[in-house]
Structure formats: structure tokens, C-alpha cells
Amino acid sequence: KNLSFFLKGGHLFRHFLDRVRFYIYPKLLIGAKFPTHLEVEAASKCQMRCPMCWTTYMPEKIKGIMKFDLFKKIVDEAASNNTFSIKLSWRGEPMLNPKIIEMVKYAKEKGIPHVAFLTNAELLTKKKSEELIESGLDWISISADGTDQVYNKIRFPAKFEETLERVKYLRDLRDSKNLTKPLIRVQSVHSALENNSEKYYESWKNIADKINVISDQIRDVNKKITDLDYDKYFMCPKPWQRLAIGHDGKVHQCIADYYGENILGN
């Protein structure tokens, strides 16, 4: 399934080179002349309050919606420097941005090979599904943790069965048009699947093109990072892989810098 997901993504030669850069460059301490992947935050707000998400605890003053003119400026520069992929999500729910469809279309028109975003899918109406398919979106990742009551508690006020139906509509509509995109990925944090992993797989196997399980992270917002135990010899690869641009245009050193403690520029 991973190989199928990769092949259906298209742009195979550029995609292969991008993956080489993504995984090999950090090991060699090589940085691309211009970021090959950008996290461009369409919105840092979210209508949910998931307990494991930093956005739940972020002060309102640093939340917002990216303006379309700023987005176009970023995409224009990225396209002229051969950026391979842009993900329109980071800290918040991108579908809260009323211009999200126009953003996808603009990035695709400018020649960005891969345009995608993560969403909790609560705002994925039938109309939005139709618009996303027409927009040229390459892939969409649904954050859905666990099943049934586990999901309902984490992802309140969303309901598990309703989310399944929303994403199934998107899949069925895409397939009815004989299209492969947007590819659909679904992912859950590991702890939410401890007692329902089989049902999770069975629920999504005919809807999602790829099912991901991601590790839980230590996200104690009351501690400074320096208070946590860490391996001083570990070197994080992310600075060589991607660049995160907040909704306000601020460039964050790391995608884990939710509070903007180390801003590189604007």
C-alpha cells in the first residue's frame, strides 16, 4: 500500500529525488538552496480541543487565518525556486480558512507538484469534497484517533461514524470520476488504538488509500523543553527537511515550535 500510494502520487522522478533529499541530506548535513517542502499554515485556529494537540493550549493571540495575498507571495517564491511540496496545515484546521480551495488551486496553477493538507474532516461537507476534487489537491490526511467512544472523546464534537461517512463520500465521488487524487490517508496516535486496532483497520481499509499509526509524543505544555530528558547526541533532521511558515508569515525554525520561541524571519 505504501508503494501504491507513492506511485499514484505522480511526478515520480521528482518525487524520488525529493525523498532522497528528505532522508539523505540530514545525514550529510546538507541543506537545499531553497526549501523543497514548506508547511504553509492556512489557519492556526481549530474548532476542536484534542487533549494531545498543542493548538488546544495555545493562547488566542497567536492564532489566526492566513490572508490570501500573503499565501500567493509565498507560493510565487516557492514555485520560482522549484519547491516540490506544500502542505497547507500545521497547527490548526486548514478548512477554517474560507480561501482554502483557492489556495490549493493557486498552488497547483503555479506548478507545485504536491499540494496537500491535514484535517480533522469535521468541516468536510459534500460541497467541500466536490470542490477539493476539482481543485487538484494531491492528497488529504484525516486525523482520526481511535474508533467509537475513544474517537468521540478525543475528537469532540465530531462522531466517528459521521467522519467515516464524510470521508467515504469523498472517496466514492473521486472514484466515480475515475480519478486517483486526492489520495486519502488516515492516521491515529498509537495510544488511541490499544484496544480497537482491528476495528480501526476494518473501518478504514476500503476508504483510505493509506493508514498511518503515529507514535505518541511528550507534549507537556507546562514544561520547558530543557526540563525534559533527551539524548544530547541526537540530531533532529527536520531543519534539513522542511520550513514552517505561520499564518502571519513568521518563519519558525521548527515545526515543533508552536509558540514561536525561535523565529527566523518573516
Protein backbone atom coordinates (compact mmCIF):
# COMPACT_ATOMS: atom_id res chain seq x y z
CA LYS A 1 0.00 0.00 0.00
CA ASN A 2 2.86 2.39 0.71
CA LEU A 3 4.33 1.74 -2.73
CA SER A 4 0.93 2.16 -4.37
CA PHE A 5 0.40 5.45 -2.54
CA PHE A 6 3.82 6.66 -3.73
CA LEU A 7 3.22 5.68 -7.38
CA LYS A 8 -0.24 7.22 -7.51
CA GLY A 9 1.25 10.48 -6.28
CA GLY A 10 2.79 11.04 -9.70
CA HIS A 11 5.80 13.17 -10.65
CA LEU A 12 7.81 10.02 -9.96
CA PHE A 13 11.30 11.23 -10.89
CA ARG A 14 10.99 14.48 -8.93
CA HIS A 15 9.27 12.68 -6.08
CA PHE A 16 12.10 10.13 -5.88
CA LEU A 17 14.70 12.90 -5.82
CA ASP A 18 12.69 14.72 -3.17
CA ARG A 19 12.63 11.62 -0.95
CA VAL A 20 16.41 11.22 -1.37
CA ARG A 21 16.92 14.81 -0.26
CA PHE A 22 14.40 14.40 2.56
CA TYR A 23 16.10 11.37 4.11
CA ILE A 24 19.74 11.60 2.99
CA TYR A 25 20.52 15.33 3.20
CA PRO A 26 20.09 15.49 7.01
CA LYS A 27 22.54 12.63 7.47
CA LEU A 28 25.11 14.52 5.38
CA LEU A 29 24.33 17.91 6.96
CA ILE A 30 23.34 19.27 3.57
CA GLY A 31 20.68 21.92 3.19
CA ALA A 32 18.91 22.55 -0.12
CA LYS A 33 19.46 26.02 -1.61
CA PHE A 34 15.73 26.61 -1.13
CA PRO A 35 13.29 24.55 0.96
CA THR A 36 11.91 21.62 -1.04
CA HIS A 37 9.00 21.27 1.36
CA LEU A 38 7.00 24.03 3.03
CA GLU A 39 4.45 23.88 5.82
CA VAL A 40 2.29 26.91 4.96
CA GLU A 41 -0.26 27.41 7.70
CA ALA A 42 -3.67 28.24 6.23
CA ALA A 43 -5.05 28.54 9.76
CA SER A 44 -3.69 28.16 13.27
CA LYS A 45 -7.16 28.07 14.77
CA CYS A 46 -9.12 24.88 15.36
CA GLN A 47 -12.71 24.19 16.35
CA MET A 48 -11.65 21.09 18.33
CA ARG A 49 -9.82 20.82 21.65
CA CYS A 50 -8.00 17.50 21.33
CA PRO A 51 -6.03 16.76 24.51
CA MET A 52 -2.78 15.78 22.74
CA CYS A 53 -2.61 18.84 20.47
CA TRP A 54 -0.57 21.96 21.20
CA THR A 55 -3.19 24.10 19.47
CA THR A 56 -5.62 23.35 22.30
CA TYR A 57 -3.32 25.15 24.74
CA MET A 58 -2.06 27.98 22.51
CA PRO A 59 -3.11 31.50 23.55
CA GLU A 60 -5.70 33.03 21.24
CA LYS A 61 -3.44 35.98 20.42
CA ILE A 62 -1.14 33.81 18.30
CA LYS A 63 -3.98 32.10 16.42
CA GLY A 64 -5.27 33.35 13.11
CA ILE A 65 -6.10 32.81 9.43
CA MET A 66 -3.58 33.35 6.62
CA LYS A 67 -4.50 36.09 4.15
CA PHE A 68 -4.68 35.07 0.51
CA ASP A 69 -2.28 37.79 -0.70
CA LEU A 70 0.39 36.55 1.71
CA PHE A 71 -0.19 32.98 0.55
CA LYS A 72 0.24 33.98 -3.09
CA LYS A 73 3.51 35.75 -2.29
CA ILE A 74 4.85 32.60 -0.61
CA VAL A 75 3.73 30.30 -3.43
CA ASP A 76 5.15 32.58 -6.13
CA GLU A 77 8.58 32.48 -4.49
CA ALA A 78 8.36 28.74 -3.82
CA ALA A 79 7.35 27.95 -7.41
CA SER A 80 10.20 30.02 -8.84
CA ASN A 81 12.65 28.05 -6.66
CA ASN A 82 11.36 24.57 -7.52
CA THR A 83 9.76 23.71 -4.19
CA PHE A 84 8.35 20.21 -4.55
CA SER A 85 5.56 20.17 -1.98
CA ILE A 86 3.44 22.49 0.10
CA LYS A 87 1.28 21.34 2.99
CA LEU A 88 -1.42 23.84 3.88
CA SER A 89 -1.66 22.79 7.51
CA TRP A 90 0.43 22.97 10.61
CA ARG A 91 -1.00 23.95 13.99
CA GLY A 92 -4.69 24.42 13.15
CA GLU A 93 -7.56 23.26 10.96
CA PRO A 94 -6.96 24.49 7.38
CA MET A 95 -10.60 24.21 6.37
CA LEU A 96 -11.38 27.11 8.71
CA ASN A 97 -9.73 29.31 6.09
CA PRO A 98 -12.51 30.42 3.71
CA LYS A 99 -9.96 30.59 0.87
CA ILE A 100 -8.66 27.02 1.25
CA ILE A 101 -9.98 25.88 -2.15
CA GLU A 102 -8.50 28.93 -3.88
CA MET A 103 -5.19 28.26 -2.10
CA VAL A 104 -4.99 24.73 -3.45
CA LYS A 105 -5.91 25.87 -6.95
CA TYR A 106 -3.36 28.69 -6.91
CA ALA A 107 -0.51 26.44 -5.80
CA LYS A 108 -1.37 23.86 -8.47
CA GLU A 109 -1.66 26.53 -11.18
CA LYS A 110 1.81 27.77 -10.21
CA GLY A 111 3.22 24.28 -10.77
CA ILE A 112 3.77 22.95 -7.23
CA PRO A 113 3.86 19.15 -7.82
CA HIS A 114 2.41 18.07 -4.47
CA VAL A 115 -0.17 20.12 -2.58
CA ALA A 116 -1.82 18.62 0.48
CA PHE A 117 -3.16 19.22 3.96
CA LEU A 118 -4.17 17.52 7.21
CA THR A 119 -7.70 17.94 8.50
CA ASN A 120 -9.99 16.60 11.21
CA ALA A 121 -12.68 16.35 8.48
CA GLU A 122 -15.48 17.82 10.61
CA LEU A 123 -15.91 20.59 8.01
CA LEU A 124 -15.65 18.21 5.05
CA THR A 125 -19.14 18.75 3.65
CA LYS A 126 -20.30 17.22 0.37
CA LYS A 127 -19.86 20.61 -1.32
CA LYS A 128 -16.29 20.93 0.03
CA SER A 129 -15.49 17.40 -1.16
CA GLU A 130 -16.65 18.28 -4.66
CA GLU A 131 -14.60 21.48 -4.64
CA LEU A 132 -11.47 19.73 -3.35
CA ILE A 133 -11.61 17.14 -6.12
CA GLU A 134 -11.91 19.91 -8.71
CA SER A 135 -9.13 21.95 -7.09
CA GLY A 136 -6.35 19.49 -7.96
CA LEU A 137 -5.47 18.59 -4.35
CA ASP A 138 -2.90 15.79 -4.38
CA TRP A 139 -3.55 14.19 -1.01
CA ILE A 140 -5.51 14.77 2.14
CA SER A 141 -4.73 13.31 5.55
CA ILE A 142 -7.55 12.70 8.00
CA SER A 143 -6.62 12.89 11.68
CA ALA A 144 -8.90 10.28 13.26
CA ASP A 145 -7.77 8.85 16.58
CA GLY A 146 -9.28 5.50 17.56
CA THR A 147 -12.87 4.39 16.97
CA ASP A 148 -16.28 4.81 18.56
CA GLN A 149 -16.24 6.38 22.03
CA VAL A 150 -12.44 6.74 22.09
CA TYR A 151 -12.63 8.81 18.91
CA ASN A 152 -15.72 10.70 20.09
CA LYS A 153 -13.98 11.73 23.31
CA ILE A 154 -10.70 12.83 21.70
CA ARG A 155 -12.26 14.47 18.65
CA PHE A 156 -15.32 16.01 20.31
CA PRO A 157 -17.74 17.22 18.96
CA ALA A 158 -17.13 15.00 15.91
CA LYS A 159 -18.63 11.50 15.80
CA PHE A 160 -16.72 8.51 14.45
CA GLU A 161 -19.44 7.15 12.17
CA GLU A 162 -20.17 10.61 10.77
CA THR A 163 -16.48 11.14 9.97
CA LEU A 164 -16.36 7.78 8.20
CA GLU A 165 -19.33 8.82 6.07
CA ARG A 166 -17.82 12.19 5.19
CA VAL A 167 -14.55 10.68 4.01
CA LYS A 168 -16.35 7.81 2.26
CA TYR A 169 -18.32 10.37 0.25
CA LEU A 170 -15.06 11.98 -0.84
CA ARG A 171 -13.62 8.59 -1.83
CA ASP A 172 -16.75 7.49 -3.71
CA LEU A 173 -17.00 10.81 -5.55
CA ARG A 174 -13.34 10.64 -6.56
CA ASP A 175 -13.67 7.07 -7.79
CA SER A 176 -16.87 7.85 -9.70
CA LYS A 177 -14.87 10.34 -11.74
CA ASN A 178 -12.14 7.75 -12.42
CA LEU A 179 -9.59 9.90 -10.61
CA THR A 180 -6.77 8.84 -8.29
CA LYS A 181 -6.50 12.18 -6.49
CA PRO A 182 -6.82 13.40 -3.89
CA LEU A 183 -5.19 10.39 -2.32
CA ILE A 184 -6.68 9.77 1.12
CA ARG A 185 -4.59 9.00 4.18
CA VAL A 186 -5.95 8.44 7.67
CA GLN A 187 -3.88 8.46 10.83
CA SER A 188 -4.24 7.90 14.56
CA VAL A 189 -1.98 8.27 17.56
CA HIS A 190 -0.92 4.86 18.83
CA SER A 191 -2.43 5.11 22.32
CA ALA A 192 -5.93 5.55 20.85
CA LEU A 193 -5.68 2.14 19.14
CA GLU A 194 -4.61 -0.03 22.07
CA ASN A 195 -7.95 -1.83 22.30
CA ASN A 196 -9.51 -1.26 18.89
CA SER A 197 -6.78 -1.55 16.24
CA GLU A 198 -8.58 -4.27 14.27
CA LYS A 199 -11.81 -2.29 14.07
CA TYR A 200 -9.86 0.80 13.07
CA TYR A 201 -8.28 -1.05 10.17
CA GLU A 202 -11.56 -2.67 9.10
CA SER A 203 -13.37 0.67 9.27
CA TRP A 204 -10.90 2.48 7.03
CA LYS A 205 -9.41 -0.17 4.73
CA ASN A 206 -11.91 0.42 1.90
CA ILE A 207 -11.98 4.19 2.32
CA ALA A 208 -8.39 5.33 2.86
CA ASP A 209 -5.56 4.70 0.41
CA LYS A 210 -3.13 4.59 3.32
CA ILE A 211 -3.50 4.02 7.06
CA ASN A 212 -0.89 5.52 9.39
CA VAL A 213 -0.28 4.99 13.08
CA ILE A 214 1.93 7.64 14.66
CA SER A 215 3.77 7.48 17.97
CA ASP A 216 2.60 9.45 20.96
CA GLN A 217 4.82 12.40 21.84
CA ILE A 218 5.68 14.01 25.16
CA ARG A 219 3.76 17.26 24.95
CA ASP A 220 3.77 18.70 28.44
CA VAL A 221 2.98 22.33 27.77
CA ASN A 222 3.84 23.26 31.36
CA LYS A 223 7.48 22.25 31.00
CA LYS A 224 10.31 23.94 29.20
CA ILE A 225 11.92 21.70 26.60
CA THR A 226 15.16 21.87 28.60
CA ASP A 227 13.37 20.24 31.56
CA LEU A 228 12.79 17.04 29.62
CA ASP A 229 15.21 14.13 29.38
CA TYR A 230 16.84 13.99 25.96
CA ASP A 231 19.70 12.35 24.11
CA LYS A 232 22.34 15.04 23.65
CA TYR A 233 23.80 13.14 20.69
CA PHE A 234 20.53 13.04 18.77
CA MET A 235 20.42 15.39 15.81
CA CYS A 236 16.97 16.27 14.57
CA PRO A 237 16.62 16.00 10.76
CA LYS A 238 13.74 18.50 10.44
CA PRO A 239 15.80 21.67 9.80
CA TRP A 240 17.16 19.98 6.66
CA GLN A 241 13.77 18.71 5.54
CA ARG A 242 11.22 21.48 5.77
CA LEU A 243 10.39 25.05 6.70
CA ALA A 244 7.30 26.15 8.64
CA ILE A 245 5.56 29.44 7.86
CA GLY A 246 2.87 30.55 10.28
CA HIS A 247 -0.43 32.14 9.28
CA ASP A 248 1.10 35.57 9.93
CA GLY A 249 4.14 34.98 7.74
CA LYS A 250 6.55 34.31 10.59
CA VAL A 251 9.14 31.66 9.75
CA HIS A 252 9.60 29.17 12.58
CA GLN A 253 12.84 27.27 12.98
CA CYS A 254 10.99 24.04 13.71
CA ILE A 255 7.53 22.55 13.22
CA ALA A 256 7.60 21.78 16.96
CA ASP A 257 7.98 25.48 17.79
CA TYR A 258 4.25 26.04 18.19
CA TYR A 259 4.65 29.09 20.41
CA GLY A 260 7.15 30.85 18.15
CA GLU A 261 10.04 30.91 20.59
CA ASN A 262 12.63 30.98 17.80
CA ILE A 263 11.50 32.99 14.78
CA LEU A 264 13.98 33.10 11.89
CA GLY A 265 12.28 35.90 9.99
CA ASN A 266 9.07 36.91 8.28
